Amino acid sequence: MNPRSPSRVREPDSSPGSAATRLMPLLRRVLRRVLRRQSLLALAPLMLLAGGCASYLSADVTSFHQLPPGHRFAGQNFTIEPAAEQKDSLEFRAYADLVRQALIRQGLVFASAADLAVTMRYSIDSGRPVIYGYPAYGYTSFGPVWGWVPYPAPGGHVHYVWAASYPAGYGVIGSSYSQYVVYRRELRVDITDRRPGGKGAKLFEGSVMSEGGAGALAPVMPAMVRALFSDFPGPNGVTRRISIRSDDTPEAEAPQRQPAPLQGR
């Protein structure tokens, strides 16, 4: 027979040293690499989507206000007064500057000697753990499936052997659990009437509370201040949920970075 003739079928080769036996470890390694690459490709769109999403802060805002008849906040002058423990705090000065700018955007006028006195308090707790579950993925099946498997041989021939293949399935195999820490952040702002006839009456009490993974006030305080004054003075005695884009900064805030002057300094 011509050695270059078309392939011929031989009897199954099941000896321990057969070519199929030697090829199976290589086939398994190739299969694992293909499955791993496919799982990464499936996750790629989700990773891109997560990277392109804006970051929002959700906060609960509550306000109470009581103005004298015929009065409104816009056009009145105000000053920010620190509490005794806040007078030497640089953190307070940074947050007071955010509140000052927010009130100016609402039409109030900042002044050293003013009719309205603004005070503020802020806090963050030590956090609480939150446990959550999510699907665990892995191989749901991994052969073997027996059948005739072709493999090339020298001289252009094709041999067939009775061997096992390993078509692996990939999917949910159980649940995994993890945890993260949630912190509660709060800001309270009060406005008091300092006019001679005002008798020190409270005109506005506002609070904003948010929860999240940021364990410090500084990264979230700009968004919390914007949430508190987003609808100033807001509906009286109503708690509302407000979402603020936390990576946005109002244009009015960008060029003004001087801390608010403090009384008594």
C-alpha atoms as a PDB file:
ATOM      1  CA  MET A   1       0.000   0.000   0.000  1.00  0.00           C
ATOM      2  CA  ASN A   2       1.190   3.470  -0.813  1.00  0.00           C
ATOM      3  CA  PRO A   3       2.478   5.093   2.483  1.00  0.00           C
ATOM      4  CA  ARG A   4       0.834   8.344   1.383  1.00  0.00           C
ATOM      5  CA  SER A   5      -2.584   6.788   0.921  1.00  0.00           C
ATOM      6  CA  PRO A   6      -5.599   8.158   2.869  1.00  0.00           C
ATOM      7  CA  SER A   7      -5.872   7.471   6.538  1.00  0.00           C
ATOM      8  CA  ARG A   8      -6.642   4.035   7.795  1.00  0.00           C
ATOM      9  CA  VAL A   9      -8.547   3.004  10.890  1.00  0.00           C
ATOM     10  CA  ARG A  10      -6.640   0.839  13.365  1.00  0.00           C
ATOM     11  CA  GLU A  11      -7.823  -1.204  16.283  1.00  0.00           C
ATOM     12  CA  PRO A  12      -8.189   0.642  19.593  1.00  0.00           C
ATOM     13  CA  ASP A  13      -4.921   1.099  21.414  1.00  0.00           C
ATOM     14  CA  SER A  14      -5.537   0.760  25.136  1.00  0.00           C
ATOM     15  CA  SER A  15      -2.035  -0.005  26.303  1.00  0.00           C
ATOM     16  CA  PRO A  16      -0.755   1.992  29.310  1.00  0.00           C
ATOM     17  CA  GLY A  17       1.787   3.796  27.156  1.00  0.00           C
ATOM     18  CA  SER A  18      -0.571   4.677  24.349  1.00  0.00           C
ATOM     19  CA  ALA A  19      -0.515   8.154  22.774  1.00  0.00           C
ATOM     20  CA  ALA A  20      -4.027   8.887  24.074  1.00  0.00           C
ATOM     21  CA  THR A  21      -2.968   8.198  27.625  1.00  0.00           C
ATOM     22  CA  ARG A  22      -0.038  10.555  27.217  1.00  0.00           C
ATOM     23  CA  LEU A  23      -2.217  13.239  25.637  1.00  0.00           C
ATOM     24  CA  MET A  24      -4.948  13.273  28.305  1.00  0.00           C
ATOM     25  CA  PRO A  25      -3.058  15.406  30.904  1.00  0.00           C
ATOM     26  CA  LEU A  26      -2.338  17.976  28.206  1.00  0.00           C
ATOM     27  CA  LEU A  27      -5.982  18.014  27.106  1.00  0.00           C
ATOM     28  CA  ARG A  28      -7.096  18.558  30.700  1.00  0.00           C
ATOM     29  CA  ARG A  29      -4.749  21.533  31.138  1.00  0.00           C
ATOM     30  CA  VAL A  30      -5.921  23.117  27.885  1.00  0.00           C
ATOM     31  CA  LEU A  31      -9.554  22.634  28.878  1.00  0.00           C
ATOM     32  CA  ARG A  32      -9.032  24.296  32.252  1.00  0.00           C
ATOM     33  CA  ARG A  33      -7.354  27.301  30.618  1.00  0.00           C
ATOM     34  CA  VAL A  34     -10.214  27.692  28.121  1.00  0.00           C
ATOM     35  CA  LEU A  35     -12.852  27.569  30.863  1.00  0.00           C
ATOM     36  CA  ARG A  36     -10.958  30.077  33.003  1.00  0.00           C
ATOM     37  CA  ARG A  37     -10.629  32.472  30.062  1.00  0.00           C
ATOM     38  CA  GLN A  38     -14.329  32.138  29.222  1.00  0.00           C
ATOM     39  CA  SER A  39     -15.338  32.977  32.799  1.00  0.00           C
ATOM     40  CA  LEU A  40     -13.137  36.086  32.752  1.00  0.00           C
ATOM     41  CA  LEU A  41     -14.612  37.182  29.432  1.00  0.00           C
ATOM     42  CA  ALA A  42     -18.110  36.778  30.858  1.00  0.00           C
ATOM     43  CA  LEU A  43     -17.234  39.018  33.806  1.00  0.00           C
ATOM     44  CA  ALA A  44     -15.529  41.703  31.712  1.00  0.00           C
ATOM     45  CA  PRO A  45     -18.740  43.605  30.744  1.00  0.00           C
ATOM     46  CA  LEU A  46     -19.825  43.695  34.394  1.00  0.00           C
ATOM     47  CA  MET A  47     -16.424  45.037  35.435  1.00  0.00           C
ATOM     48  CA  LEU A  48     -16.609  47.749  32.777  1.00  0.00           C
ATOM     49  CA  LEU A  49     -20.148  48.645  33.807  1.00  0.00           C
ATOM     50  CA  ALA A  50     -19.157  48.946  37.456  1.00  0.00           C
ATOM     51  CA  GLY A  51     -16.165  51.110  36.587  1.00  0.00           C
ATOM     52  CA  GLY A  52     -18.302  53.518  34.568  1.00  0.00           C
ATOM     53  CA  CYS A  53     -21.047  54.026  37.159  1.00  0.00           C
ATOM     54  CA  ALA A  54     -21.249  57.230  39.123  1.00  0.00           C
ATOM     55  CA  SER A  55     -21.113  57.085  42.907  1.00  0.00           C
ATOM     56  CA  TYR A  56     -24.215  58.266  44.796  1.00  0.00           C
ATOM     57  CA  LEU A  57     -24.840  58.908  48.471  1.00  0.00           C
ATOM     58  CA  SER A  58     -28.330  58.234  49.806  1.00  0.00           C
ATOM     59  CA  ALA A  59     -29.332  60.194  52.891  1.00  0.00           C
ATOM     60  CA  ASP A  60     -32.401  60.721  55.043  1.00  0.00           C
ATOM     61  CA  VAL A  61     -33.090  64.440  55.474  1.00  0.00           C
ATOM     62  CA  THR A  62     -35.482  65.864  58.055  1.00  0.00           C
ATOM     63  CA  SER A  63     -36.170  69.555  58.658  1.00  0.00           C
ATOM     64  CA  PHE A  64     -38.331  71.605  60.997  1.00  0.00           C
ATOM     65  CA  HIS A  65     -38.769  75.342  60.530  1.00  0.00           C
ATOM     66  CA  GLN A  66     -40.897  78.132  61.922  1.00  0.00           C
ATOM     67  CA  LEU A  67     -40.472  81.624  60.507  1.00  0.00           C
ATOM     68  CA  PRO A  68     -42.335  84.717  61.692  1.00  0.00           C
ATOM     69  CA  PRO A  69     -45.196  85.749  59.386  1.00  0.00           C
ATOM     70  CA  GLY A  70     -43.937  87.562  56.313  1.00  0.00           C
ATOM     71  CA  HIS A  71     -40.318  86.440  56.797  1.00  0.00           C
ATOM     72  CA  ARG A  72     -38.149  84.162  54.714  1.00  0.00           C
ATOM     73  CA  PHE A  73     -34.537  83.004  54.928  1.00  0.00           C
ATOM     74  CA  ALA A  74     -33.348  84.402  51.597  1.00  0.00           C
ATOM     75  CA  GLY A  75     -31.830  87.865  51.971  1.00  0.00           C
ATOM     76  CA  GLN A  76     -31.136  87.582  55.711  1.00  0.00           C
ATOM     77  CA  ASN A  77     -27.596  87.699  57.062  1.00  0.00           C
ATOM     78  CA  PHE A  78     -26.099  84.910  59.130  1.00  0.00           C
ATOM     79  CA  THR A  79     -22.968  83.857  60.940  1.00  0.00           C
ATOM     80  CA  ILE A  80     -21.689  80.437  62.017  1.00  0.00           C
ATOM     81  CA  GLU A  81     -20.966  80.014  65.702  1.00  0.00           C
ATOM     82  CA  PRO A  82     -18.852  77.117  66.968  1.00  0.00           C
ATOM     83  CA  ALA A  83     -19.506  75.322  70.218  1.00  0.00           C
ATOM     84  CA  ALA A  84     -16.843  75.567  72.912  1.00  0.00           C
ATOM     85  CA  GLU A  85     -15.208  72.274  71.861  1.00  0.00           C
ATOM     86  CA  GLN A  86     -15.261  73.280  68.166  1.00  0.00           C
ATOM     87  CA  LYS A  87     -13.452  76.629  68.370  1.00  0.00           C
ATOM     88  CA  ASP A  88      -9.982  75.197  67.767  1.00  0.00           C
ATOM     89  CA  SER A  89     -11.059  72.417  65.378  1.00  0.00           C
ATOM     90  CA  LEU A  90      -9.809  72.560  61.806  1.00  0.00           C
ATOM     91  CA  GLU A  91     -12.316  69.847  60.927  1.00  0.00           C
ATOM     92  CA  PHE A  92     -15.131  72.114  62.127  1.00  0.00           C
ATOM     93  CA  ARG A  93     -13.819  74.993  60.023  1.00  0.00           C
ATOM     94  CA  ALA A  94     -13.826  72.796  56.899  1.00  0.00           C
ATOM     95  CA  TYR A  95     -17.406  71.624  57.460  1.00  0.00           C
ATOM     96  CA  ALA A  96     -18.565  75.126  58.455  1.00  0.00           C
ATOM     97  CA  ASP A  97     -17.242  76.402  55.140  1.00  0.00           C
ATOM     98  CA  LEU A  98     -19.409  73.857  53.303  1.00  0.00           C
ATOM     99  CA  VAL A  99     -22.488  74.991  55.252  1.00  0.00           C
ATOM    100  CA  ARG A 100     -21.657  78.654  54.669  1.00  0.00           C
ATOM    101  CA  GLN A 101     -21.438  78.138  50.912  1.00  0.00           C
ATOM    102  CA  ALA A 102     -24.683  76.135  50.892  1.00  0.00           C
ATOM    103  CA  LEU A 103     -26.565  78.931  52.685  1.00  0.00           C
ATOM    104  CA  ILE A 104     -25.113  81.571  50.371  1.00  0.00           C
ATOM    105  CA  ARG A 105     -26.444  79.574  47.402  1.00  0.00           C
ATOM    106  CA  GLN A 106     -29.872  79.726  49.063  1.00  0.00           C
ATOM    107  CA  GLY A 107     -29.762  83.528  49.028  1.00  0.00           C
ATOM    108  CA  LEU A 108     -28.561  84.236  52.580  1.00  0.00           C
ATOM    109  CA  VAL A 109     -25.731  86.706  53.225  1.00  0.00           C
ATOM    110  CA  PHE A 110     -22.751  85.850  55.394  1.00  0.00           C
ATOM    111  CA  ALA A 111     -21.732  88.534  57.899  1.00  0.00           C
ATOM    112  CA  SER A 112     -19.695  88.702  61.092  1.00  0.00           C
ATOM    113  CA  ALA A 113     -22.475  90.527  62.954  1.00  0.00           C
ATOM    114  CA  ALA A 114     -25.689  88.880  61.834  1.00  0.00           C
ATOM    115  CA  ASP A 115     -29.339  88.414  62.691  1.00  0.00           C
ATOM    116  CA  LEU A 116     -29.204  84.644  62.370  1.00  0.00           C
ATOM    117  CA  ALA A 117     -26.806  82.328  64.232  1.00  0.00           C
ATOM    118  CA  VAL A 118     -25.995  78.961  62.665  1.00  0.00           C
ATOM    119  CA  THR A 119     -24.706  76.081  64.781  1.00  0.00           C
ATOM    120  CA  MET A 120     -23.824  72.586  63.656  1.00  0.00           C
ATOM    121  CA  ARG A 121     -23.024  69.200  65.109  1.00  0.00           C
ATOM    122  CA  TYR A 122     -21.718  66.116  63.346  1.00  0.00           C
ATOM    123  CA  SER A 123     -20.904  62.558  64.350  1.00  0.00           C
ATOM    124  CA  ILE A 124     -19.979  59.098  63.094  1.00  0.00           C
ATOM    125  CA  ASP A 125     -20.374  55.834  64.980  1.00  0.00           C
ATOM    126  CA  SER A 126     -17.922  52.927  65.310  1.00  0.00           C
ATOM    127  CA  GLY A 127     -19.690  50.889  62.633  1.00  0.00           C
ATOM    128  CA  ARG A 128     -21.590  47.622  62.609  1.00  0.00           C
ATOM    129  CA  PRO A 129     -20.800  44.455  60.625  1.00  0.00           C
ATOM    130  CA  VAL A 130     -23.153  43.347  57.869  1.00  0.00           C
ATOM    131  CA  ILE A 131     -22.981  39.754  56.612  1.00  0.00           C
ATOM    132  CA  TYR A 132     -24.138  38.955  53.081  1.00  0.00           C
ATOM    133  CA  GLY A 133     -24.201  35.917  50.842  1.00  0.00           C
ATOM    134  CA  TYR A 134     -23.503  35.502  47.150  1.00  0.00           C
ATOM    135  CA  PRO A 135     -23.390  32.581  44.675  1.00  0.00           C
ATOM    136  CA  ALA A 136     -20.221  30.482  44.543  1.00  0.00           C
ATOM    137  CA  TYR A 137     -19.220  29.375  41.049  1.00  0.00           C
ATOM    138  CA  GLY A 138     -17.204  26.336  40.057  1.00  0.00           C
ATOM    139  CA  TYR A 139     -17.174  23.165  37.965  1.00  0.00           C
ATOM    140  CA  THR A 140     -20.544  21.426  38.088  1.00  0.00           C
ATOM    141  CA  SER A 141     -19.419  18.398  36.069  1.00  0.00           C
ATOM    142  CA  PHE A 142     -16.116  17.105  34.792  1.00  0.00           C
ATOM    143  CA  GLY A 143     -16.602  13.944  32.752  1.00  0.00           C
ATOM    144  CA  PRO A 144     -15.368  11.461  31.985  1.00  0.00           C
ATOM    145  CA  VAL A 145     -17.193  10.684  28.735  1.00  0.00           C
ATOM    146  CA  TRP A 146     -15.891   7.636  26.872  1.00  0.00           C
ATOM    147  CA  GLY A 147     -15.793   7.380  23.100  1.00  0.00           C
ATOM    148  CA  TRP A 148     -13.624   7.024  20.023  1.00  0.00           C
ATOM    149  CA  VAL A 149     -11.068   9.833  20.000  1.00  0.00           C
ATOM    150  CA  PRO A 150      -9.023  10.587  16.853  1.00  0.00           C
ATOM    151  CA  TYR A 151      -5.429  11.712  16.990  1.00  0.00           C
ATOM    152  CA  PRO A 152      -2.922  12.320  14.181  1.00  0.00           C
ATOM    153  CA  ALA A 153      -0.139   9.844  13.505  1.00  0.00           C
ATOM    154  CA  PRO A 154       3.033  10.084  11.422  1.00  0.00           C
ATOM    155  CA  GLY A 155       2.608   9.754   7.716  1.00  0.00           C
ATOM    156  CA  GLY A 156      -0.668  11.641   7.577  1.00  0.00           C
ATOM    157  CA  HIS A 157      -2.622   8.868   9.246  1.00  0.00           C
ATOM    158  CA  VAL A 158      -5.349   9.220  11.815  1.00  0.00           C
ATOM    159  CA  HIS A 159      -5.654   6.720  14.619  1.00  0.00           C
ATOM    160  CA  TYR A 160      -8.661   6.168  16.850  1.00  0.00           C
ATOM    161  CA  VAL A 161      -8.573   5.099  20.441  1.00  0.00           C
ATOM    162  CA  TRP A 162     -11.261   4.330  22.992  1.00  0.00           C
ATOM    163  CA  ALA A 163     -10.560   7.023  25.574  1.00  0.00           C
ATOM    164  CA  ALA A 164     -12.204   9.395  28.009  1.00  0.00           C
ATOM    165  CA  SER A 165     -12.855  13.085  27.362  1.00  0.00           C
ATOM    166  CA  TYR A 166     -13.607  15.627  30.060  1.00  0.00           C
ATOM    167  CA  PRO A 167     -16.271  18.189  29.016  1.00  0.00           C
ATOM    168  CA  ALA A 168     -16.527  20.373  32.126  1.00  0.00           C
ATOM    169  CA  GLY A 169     -19.631  22.319  33.110  1.00  0.00           C
ATOM    170  CA  TYR A 170     -19.402  25.626  34.984  1.00  0.00           C
ATOM    171  CA  GLY A 171     -22.077  27.156  37.189  1.00  0.00           C
ATOM    172  CA  VAL A 172     -23.371  27.759  40.704  1.00  0.00           C
ATOM    173  CA  ILE A 173     -22.141  25.131  43.172  1.00  0.00           C
ATOM    174  CA  GLY A 174     -23.217  26.758  46.451  1.00  0.00           C
ATOM    175  CA  SER A 175     -23.062  29.959  48.471  1.00  0.00           C
ATOM    176  CA  SER A 176     -20.261  32.042  49.910  1.00  0.00           C
ATOM    177  CA  TYR A 177     -20.451  34.589  52.692  1.00  0.00           C
ATOM    178  CA  SER A 178     -18.579  37.747  53.471  1.00  0.00           C
ATOM    179  CA  GLN A 179     -19.034  40.849  55.566  1.00  0.00           C
ATOM    180  CA  TYR A 180     -18.385  44.565  55.536  1.00  0.00           C
ATOM    181  CA  VAL A 181     -18.751  47.378  58.051  1.00  0.00           C
ATOM    182  CA  VAL A 182     -21.490  50.025  57.787  1.00  0.00           C
ATOM    183  CA  TYR A 183     -21.012  53.404  59.455  1.00  0.00           C
ATOM    184  CA  ARG A 184     -23.763  55.829  60.430  1.00  0.00           C
ATOM    185  CA  ARG A 185     -22.921  59.509  59.713  1.00  0.00           C
ATOM    186  CA  GLU A 186     -25.028  62.413  60.910  1.00  0.00           C
ATOM    187  CA  LEU A 187     -25.035  66.196  60.514  1.00  0.00           C
ATOM    188  CA  ARG A 188     -27.352  68.590  62.366  1.00  0.00           C
ATOM    189  CA  VAL A 189     -27.706  72.303  61.583  1.00  0.00           C
ATOM    190  CA  ASP A 190     -29.740  74.777  63.654  1.00  0.00           C
ATOM    191  CA  ILE A 191     -30.576  78.393  62.833  1.00  0.00           C
ATOM    192  CA  THR A 192     -31.472  80.727  65.698  1.00  0.00           C
ATOM    193  CA  ASP A 193     -32.969  84.209  65.610  1.00  0.00           C
ATOM    194  CA  ARG A 194     -30.515  86.691  67.198  1.00  0.00           C
ATOM    195  CA  ARG A 195     -32.478  89.858  66.477  1.00  0.00           C
ATOM    196  CA  PRO A 196     -33.437  91.972  69.493  1.00  0.00           C
ATOM    197  CA  GLY A 197     -37.049  90.897  69.286  1.00  0.00           C
ATOM    198  CA  GLY A 198     -36.309  87.323  68.300  1.00  0.00           C
ATOM    199  CA  LYS A 199     -35.679  86.094  71.860  1.00  0.00           C
ATOM    200  CA  GLY A 200     -33.262  83.448  70.586  1.00  0.00           C
ATOM    201  CA  ALA A 201     -36.021  81.410  68.987  1.00  0.00           C
ATOM    202  CA  LYS A 202     -35.159  78.399  66.841  1.00  0.00           C
ATOM    203  CA  LEU A 203     -36.096  79.059  63.224  1.00  0.00           C
ATOM    204  CA  PHE A 204     -34.700  75.929  61.596  1.00  0.00           C
ATOM    205  CA  GLU A 205     -33.603  72.465  62.677  1.00  0.00           C
ATOM    206  CA  GLY A 206     -32.214  70.222  59.976  1.00  0.00           C
ATOM    207  CA  SER A 207     -30.607  66.797  60.107  1.00  0.00           C
ATOM    208  CA  VAL A 208     -29.129  64.502  57.499  1.00  0.00           C
ATOM    209  CA  MET A 209     -28.202  60.885  58.163  1.00  0.00           C
ATOM    210  CA  SER A 210     -26.433  58.474  55.851  1.00  0.00           C
ATOM    211  CA  GLU A 211     -24.985  54.982  56.130  1.00  0.00           C
ATOM    212  CA  GLY A 212     -22.139  53.503  54.141  1.00  0.00           C
ATOM    213  CA  GLY A 213     -18.699  51.980  54.083  1.00  0.00           C
ATOM    214  CA  ALA A 214     -16.774  55.244  54.526  1.00  0.00           C
ATOM    215  CA  GLY A 215     -15.486  55.229  58.078  1.00  0.00           C
ATOM    216  CA  ALA A 216     -14.677  58.943  58.074  1.00  0.00           C
ATOM    217  CA  LEU A 217     -16.805  62.060  57.762  1.00  0.00           C
ATOM    218  CA  ALA A 218     -14.547  64.087  55.484  1.00  0.00           C
ATOM    219  CA  PRO A 219     -15.169  62.090  52.247  1.00  0.00           C
ATOM    220  CA  VAL A 220     -18.984  62.207  52.586  1.00  0.00           C
ATOM    221  CA  MET A 221     -19.578  65.563  54.280  1.00  0.00           C
ATOM    222  CA  PRO A 222     -19.772  67.607  51.018  1.00  0.00           C
ATOM    223  CA  ALA A 223     -22.542  65.326  49.721  1.00  0.00           C
ATOM    224  CA  MET A 224     -24.339  65.328  53.075  1.00  0.00           C
ATOM    225  CA  VAL A 225     -24.355  69.149  53.180  1.00  0.00           C
ATOM    226  CA  ARG A 226     -25.724  69.294  49.636  1.00  0.00           C
ATOM    227  CA  ALA A 227     -28.439  66.794  50.584  1.00  0.00           C
ATOM    228  CA  LEU A 228     -29.470  68.853  53.631  1.00  0.00           C
ATOM    229  CA  PHE A 229     -29.802  72.081  51.645  1.00  0.00           C
ATOM    230  CA  SER A 230     -31.059  70.597  48.362  1.00  0.00           C
ATOM    231  CA  ASP A 231     -34.615  71.805  49.070  1.00  0.00           C
ATOM    232  CA  PHE A 232     -34.022  74.360  51.797  1.00  0.00           C
ATOM    233  CA  PRO A 233     -35.860  74.754  54.096  1.00  0.00           C
ATOM    234  CA  GLY A 234     -37.839  71.766  52.825  1.00  0.00           C
ATOM    235  CA  PRO A 235     -41.217  70.415  53.934  1.00  0.00           C
ATOM    236  CA  ASN A 236     -41.769  70.922  57.644  1.00  0.00           C
ATOM    237  CA  GLY A 237     -41.485  67.782  59.779  1.00  0.00           C
ATOM    238  CA  VAL A 238     -41.047  65.398  56.859  1.00  0.00           C
ATOM    239  CA  THR A 239     -38.226  62.877  56.433  1.00  0.00           C
ATOM    240  CA  ARG A 240     -37.282  62.330  52.817  1.00  0.00           C
ATOM    241  CA  ARG A 241     -34.686  60.159  51.079  1.00  0.00           C
ATOM    242  CA  ILE A 242     -32.327  62.100  48.831  1.00  0.00           C
ATOM    243  CA  SER A 243     -29.624  60.716  46.538  1.00  0.00           C
ATOM    244  CA  ILE A 244     -26.654  62.957  45.827  1.00  0.00           C
ATOM    245  CA  ARG A 245     -23.871  62.231  43.397  1.00  0.00           C
ATOM    246  CA  SER A 246     -20.917  62.117  45.770  1.00  0.00           C
ATOM    247  CA  ASP A 247     -18.226  62.728  43.128  1.00  0.00           C
ATOM    248  CA  ASP A 248     -19.897  65.967  41.967  1.00  0.00           C
ATOM    249  CA  THR A 249     -18.928  69.387  43.283  1.00  0.00           C
ATOM    250  CA  PRO A 250     -21.146  72.417  42.602  1.00  0.00           C
ATOM    251  CA  GLU A 251     -19.427  75.038  40.495  1.00  0.00           C
ATOM    252  CA  ALA A 252     -20.056  77.626  43.192  1.00  0.00           C
ATOM    253  CA  GLU A 253     -17.926  75.622  45.611  1.00  0.00           C
ATOM    254  CA  ALA A 254     -14.872  75.169  43.447  1.00  0.00           C
ATOM    255  CA  PRO A 255     -13.231  78.621  43.616  1.00  0.00           C
ATOM    256  CA  GLN A 256     -14.155  79.309  47.281  1.00  0.00           C
ATOM    257  CA  ARG A 257     -11.897  77.341  49.558  1.00  0.00           C
ATOM    258  CA  GLN A 258     -11.286  79.740  52.444  1.00  0.00           C
ATOM    259  CA  PRO A 259     -12.574  78.476  55.839  1.00  0.00           C
ATOM    260  CA  ALA A 260     -15.507  80.342  57.317  1.00  0.00           C
ATOM    261  CA  PRO A 261     -14.456  83.000  59.857  1.00  0.00           C
ATOM    262  CA  LEU A 262     -15.324  82.012  63.404  1.00  0.00           C
ATOM    263  CA  GLN A 263     -16.803  84.141  66.152  1.00  0.00           C
ATOM    264  CA  GLY A 264     -14.540  84.949  69.081  1.00  0.00           C
ATOM    265  CA  ARG A 265     -11.263  84.338  67.248  1.00  0.00           C
END
